């Protein structure tokens, strides 16, 4: 195993997790679809970073991406609910 590989993957996970979080919070339903692949990639690279020994950055990337993805799910469910409620009127 190369020295520093876990750190590079941890940094990549944090960056992708932050982008996921930012895109989902700022973009919502308009450009939120960009965050799905970033979030999944951040989770995968975070897990690999943890396995390779860089737990701090790996966990940070996973947490950021999970928060962004959960926010996107809540936004999607809320929008569908709002459209259903408005369709009654």
N, C-alpha and C. Protein backbone atom coordinates (compact mmCIF):
# COMPACT_ATOMS: atom_id res chain seq x y z
N UNK A 1 0.83 -1.18 0.00
CA UNK A 1 0.00 0.00 0.00
C UNK A 1 0.88 1.25 0.00
N UNK A 2 0.54 2.22 -0.80
CA UNK A 2 1.32 3.45 -0.86
C UNK A 2 1.10 4.28 0.40
N UNK A 3 2.14 4.99 0.81
CA UNK A 3 2.04 5.89 1.94
C UNK A 3 1.23 7.11 1.54
N UNK A 4 0.24 7.48 2.31
CA UNK A 4 -0.56 8.67 2.02
C UNK A 4 -1.77 8.42 1.15
N UNK A 5 -2.00 7.19 0.71
CA UNK A 5 -3.16 6.90 -0.13
C UNK A 5 -4.44 7.13 0.63
N UNK A 6 -4.48 6.71 1.88
CA UNK A 6 -5.67 6.91 2.70
C UNK A 6 -5.95 8.39 2.92
N UNK A 7 -4.88 9.18 3.06
CA UNK A 7 -5.07 10.61 3.25
C UNK A 7 -5.62 11.26 2.00
N UNK A 8 -5.12 10.88 0.84
CA UNK A 8 -5.62 11.45 -0.42
C UNK A 8 -7.08 11.08 -0.63
N UNK A 9 -7.44 9.84 -0.34
CA UNK A 9 -8.83 9.43 -0.47
C UNK A 9 -9.71 10.11 0.56
N UNK A 10 -9.19 10.33 1.75
CA UNK A 10 -9.93 11.05 2.78
C UNK A 10 -10.21 12.49 2.37
N UNK A 11 -9.20 13.14 1.81
CA UNK A 11 -9.38 14.52 1.33
C UNK A 11 -10.37 14.55 0.18
N UNK A 12 -10.28 13.59 -0.73
CA UNK A 12 -11.24 13.52 -1.84
C UNK A 12 -12.65 13.30 -1.32
N UNK A 13 -12.79 12.46 -0.30
CA UNK A 13 -14.10 12.21 0.28
C UNK A 13 -14.68 13.47 0.91
N UNK A 14 -13.85 14.22 1.62
CA UNK A 14 -14.32 15.47 2.24
C UNK A 14 -14.72 16.48 1.18
N UNK A 15 -13.93 16.60 0.14
CA UNK A 15 -14.25 17.56 -0.92
C UNK A 15 -15.56 17.17 -1.62
N UNK A 16 -15.69 15.89 -1.98
CA UNK A 16 -16.93 15.47 -2.64
C UNK A 16 -18.13 15.55 -1.69
N UNK A 17 -17.91 15.25 -0.41
CA UNK A 17 -18.98 15.37 0.57
C UNK A 17 -19.43 16.82 0.74
N UNK A 18 -18.46 17.74 0.77
CA UNK A 18 -18.80 19.16 0.88
C UNK A 18 -19.54 19.64 -0.37
N UNK A 19 -19.11 19.19 -1.53
CA UNK A 19 -19.82 19.55 -2.76
C UNK A 19 -21.23 18.97 -2.77
N UNK A 20 -21.38 17.75 -2.30
CA UNK A 20 -22.71 17.14 -2.21
C UNK A 20 -23.60 17.96 -1.29
N UNK A 21 -23.07 18.28 -0.13
CA UNK A 21 -23.82 19.07 0.85
C UNK A 21 -24.19 20.43 0.27
N UNK A 22 -23.24 21.11 -0.34
CA UNK A 22 -23.49 22.44 -0.90
C UNK A 22 -24.48 22.41 -2.06
N UNK A 23 -24.32 21.45 -2.94
CA UNK A 23 -25.23 21.36 -4.09
C UNK A 23 -26.64 21.06 -3.63
N UNK A 24 -26.79 20.17 -2.68
CA UNK A 24 -28.13 19.79 -2.22
C UNK A 24 -28.78 20.95 -1.47
N UNK A 25 -28.04 21.65 -0.65
CA UNK A 25 -28.61 22.75 0.12
C UNK A 25 -28.92 23.93 -0.79
N UNK A 26 -27.99 24.30 -1.65
CA UNK A 26 -28.18 25.46 -2.52
C UNK A 26 -29.07 25.16 -3.72
N UNK A 27 -28.87 23.99 -4.31
CA UNK A 27 -29.56 23.68 -5.55
C UNK A 27 -30.94 23.10 -5.37
N UNK A 28 -31.12 22.35 -4.29
CA UNK A 28 -32.42 21.72 -4.07
C UNK A 28 -32.81 20.83 -5.23
N UNK A 29 -33.99 21.02 -5.73
CA UNK A 29 -34.49 20.16 -6.81
C UNK A 29 -33.98 20.59 -8.17
N UNK A 30 -33.50 21.81 -8.30
CA UNK A 30 -33.07 22.31 -9.60
C UNK A 30 -31.81 21.59 -10.07
N UNK A 31 -30.76 21.64 -9.28
CA UNK A 31 -29.52 20.97 -9.69
C UNK A 31 -29.09 19.94 -8.65
N UNK A 32 -30.02 19.49 -7.82
CA UNK A 32 -29.70 18.50 -6.80
C UNK A 32 -29.27 17.16 -7.35
N UNK A 33 -29.67 16.85 -8.57
CA UNK A 33 -29.30 15.57 -9.18
C UNK A 33 -27.79 15.43 -9.32
N UNK A 34 -27.06 16.55 -9.35
CA UNK A 34 -25.60 16.50 -9.44
C UNK A 34 -25.01 15.91 -8.15
N UNK A 35 -25.69 16.15 -7.05
CA UNK A 35 -25.17 15.69 -5.76
C UNK A 35 -25.27 14.20 -5.53
N UNK A 36 -26.20 13.51 -6.19
CA UNK A 36 -26.35 12.07 -5.98
C UNK A 36 -25.08 11.31 -6.32
N UNK A 37 -24.52 11.46 -7.53
CA UNK A 37 -23.28 10.72 -7.81
C UNK A 37 -22.11 11.16 -6.93
N UNK A 38 -22.06 12.46 -6.63
CA UNK A 38 -20.99 12.94 -5.75
C UNK A 38 -21.12 12.34 -4.36
N UNK A 39 -22.33 12.27 -3.87
CA UNK A 39 -22.56 11.70 -2.54
C UNK A 39 -22.18 10.24 -2.46
N UNK A 40 -22.56 9.50 -3.46
CA UNK A 40 -22.23 8.07 -3.49
C UNK A 40 -20.72 7.89 -3.59
N UNK A 41 -20.08 8.68 -4.44
CA UNK A 41 -18.62 8.59 -4.58
C UNK A 41 -17.92 9.00 -3.28
N UNK A 42 -18.45 10.01 -2.58
CA UNK A 42 -17.86 10.44 -1.31
C UNK A 42 -17.98 9.35 -0.26
N UNK A 43 -19.10 8.66 -0.23
CA UNK A 43 -19.28 7.57 0.73
C UNK A 43 -18.31 6.43 0.43
N UNK A 44 -18.18 6.07 -0.84
CA UNK A 44 -17.28 4.98 -1.21
C UNK A 44 -15.82 5.34 -0.90
N UNK A 45 -15.39 6.53 -1.29
CA UNK A 45 -14.00 6.93 -1.01
C UNK A 45 -13.77 7.11 0.49
N UNK A 46 -14.78 7.55 1.22
CA UNK A 46 -14.65 7.67 2.67
C UNK A 46 -14.46 6.32 3.33
N UNK A 47 -15.22 5.33 2.87
CA UNK A 47 -15.07 3.97 3.42
C UNK A 47 -13.69 3.41 3.10
N UNK A 48 -13.23 3.63 1.88
CA UNK A 48 -11.89 3.15 1.51
C UNK A 48 -10.82 3.85 2.33
N UNK A 49 -10.99 5.16 2.57
CA UNK A 49 -10.02 5.90 3.39
C UNK A 49 -9.99 5.38 4.82
N UNK A 50 -11.16 5.05 5.35
CA UNK A 50 -11.21 4.50 6.71
C UNK A 50 -10.49 3.15 6.76
N UNK A 51 -10.73 2.31 5.76
CA UNK A 51 -10.08 0.99 5.72
C UNK A 51 -8.56 1.15 5.62
N UNK A 52 -8.11 2.18 4.90
CA UNK A 52 -6.67 2.39 4.73
C UNK A 52 -6.04 3.17 5.88
N UNK A 53 -6.83 3.50 6.89
CA UNK A 53 -6.25 4.06 8.10
C UNK A 53 -6.48 5.54 8.34
N UNK A 54 -7.18 6.24 7.48
CA UNK A 54 -7.42 7.66 7.69
C UNK A 54 -8.88 7.86 8.11
N UNK A 55 -9.14 7.61 9.38
CA UNK A 55 -10.51 7.60 9.86
C UNK A 55 -11.13 8.98 9.92
N UNK A 56 -10.38 9.98 10.32
CA UNK A 56 -10.95 11.32 10.52
C UNK A 56 -11.53 11.93 9.25
N UNK A 57 -10.74 11.98 8.20
CA UNK A 57 -11.21 12.56 6.94
C UNK A 57 -12.26 11.68 6.28
N UNK A 58 -12.12 10.39 6.39
CA UNK A 58 -13.10 9.47 5.81
C UNK A 58 -14.47 9.65 6.44
N UNK A 59 -14.49 9.73 7.76
CA UNK A 59 -15.77 9.92 8.47
C UNK A 59 -16.36 11.28 8.14
N UNK A 60 -15.53 12.31 8.07
CA UNK A 60 -16.03 13.65 7.75
C UNK A 60 -16.68 13.69 6.37
N UNK A 61 -16.05 13.05 5.39
CA UNK A 61 -16.63 13.00 4.05
C UNK A 61 -17.93 12.24 4.01
N UNK A 62 -17.99 11.13 4.74
CA UNK A 62 -19.21 10.33 4.79
C UNK A 62 -20.34 11.13 5.44
N UNK A 63 -20.04 11.80 6.55
CA UNK A 63 -21.06 12.57 7.25
C UNK A 63 -21.61 13.68 6.38
N UNK A 64 -20.73 14.43 5.72
CA UNK A 64 -21.18 15.52 4.84
C UNK A 64 -22.05 15.00 3.71
N UNK A 65 -21.65 13.91 3.10
CA UNK A 65 -22.43 13.40 1.98
C UNK A 65 -23.76 12.82 2.43
N UNK A 66 -23.78 12.15 3.58
CA UNK A 66 -25.04 11.60 4.08
C UNK A 66 -26.01 12.73 4.43
N UNK A 67 -25.51 13.79 5.06
CA UNK A 67 -26.38 14.93 5.38
C UNK A 67 -26.95 15.53 4.09
N UNK A 68 -26.11 15.70 3.08
CA UNK A 68 -26.59 16.25 1.81
C UNK A 68 -27.62 15.35 1.14
N UNK A 69 -27.38 14.05 1.16
CA UNK A 69 -28.31 13.11 0.52
C UNK A 69 -29.64 13.04 1.28
N UNK A 70 -29.58 13.07 2.61
CA UNK A 70 -30.80 13.06 3.41
C UNK A 70 -31.59 14.34 3.15
N UNK A 71 -30.87 15.46 3.07
CA UNK A 71 -31.55 16.73 2.77
C UNK A 71 -32.25 16.66 1.41
N UNK A 72 -31.62 16.06 0.43
CA UNK A 72 -32.22 15.92 -0.90
C UNK A 72 -33.47 15.05 -0.83
N UNK A 73 -33.42 13.97 -0.08
CA UNK A 73 -34.59 13.10 0.05
C UNK A 73 -35.73 13.86 0.71
N UNK A 74 -35.43 14.61 1.78
CA UNK A 74 -36.46 15.39 2.45
C UNK A 74 -37.06 16.45 1.53
N UNK A 75 -36.22 17.10 0.73
CA UNK A 75 -36.70 18.10 -0.22
C UNK A 75 -37.60 17.45 -1.26
N UNK A 76 -37.21 16.30 -1.75
CA UNK A 76 -37.99 15.60 -2.76
C UNK A 76 -39.35 15.17 -2.21
N UNK A 77 -39.35 14.58 -1.01
CA UNK A 77 -40.59 14.13 -0.40
C UNK A 77 -41.50 15.32 -0.09
N UNK A 78 -40.91 16.40 0.42
CA UNK A 78 -41.69 17.59 0.71
C UNK A 78 -42.29 18.21 -0.54
N UNK A 79 -41.54 18.23 -1.61
CA UNK A 79 -42.06 18.78 -2.87
C UNK A 79 -43.17 17.94 -3.44
N UNK A 80 -43.02 16.62 -3.38
CA UNK A 80 -44.07 15.74 -3.86
C UNK A 80 -45.33 15.91 -3.01
N UNK A 81 -45.15 16.02 -1.70
CA UNK A 81 -46.29 16.24 -0.81
C UNK A 81 -46.97 17.57 -1.08
N UNK A 82 -46.19 18.60 -1.32
CA UNK A 82 -46.76 19.92 -1.61
C UNK A 82 -47.52 19.90 -2.93
N UNK A 83 -46.98 19.23 -3.93
CA UNK A 83 -47.68 19.15 -5.22
C UNK A 83 -48.99 18.37 -5.07
N UNK A 84 -48.97 17.32 -4.26
CA UNK A 84 -50.19 16.55 -4.03
C UNK A 84 -51.23 17.37 -3.29
N UNK A 85 -50.79 18.16 -2.31
CA UNK A 85 -51.72 18.99 -1.56
C UNK A 85 -52.30 20.11 -2.44
N UNK A 86 -51.47 20.68 -3.29
CA UNK A 86 -51.94 21.77 -4.14
C UNK A 86 -52.83 21.28 -5.27
N UNK A 87 -52.70 20.02 -5.63
CA UNK A 87 -53.51 19.51 -6.74
C UNK A 87 -54.99 19.34 -6.33
N UNK A 88 -55.24 19.38 -5.05
CA UNK A 88 -56.62 19.25 -4.57
C UNK A 88 -57.42 20.54 -4.77
N UNK A 89 -56.73 21.65 -4.95
CA UNK A 89 -57.42 22.94 -5.04
C UNK A 89 -57.58 23.39 -6.47
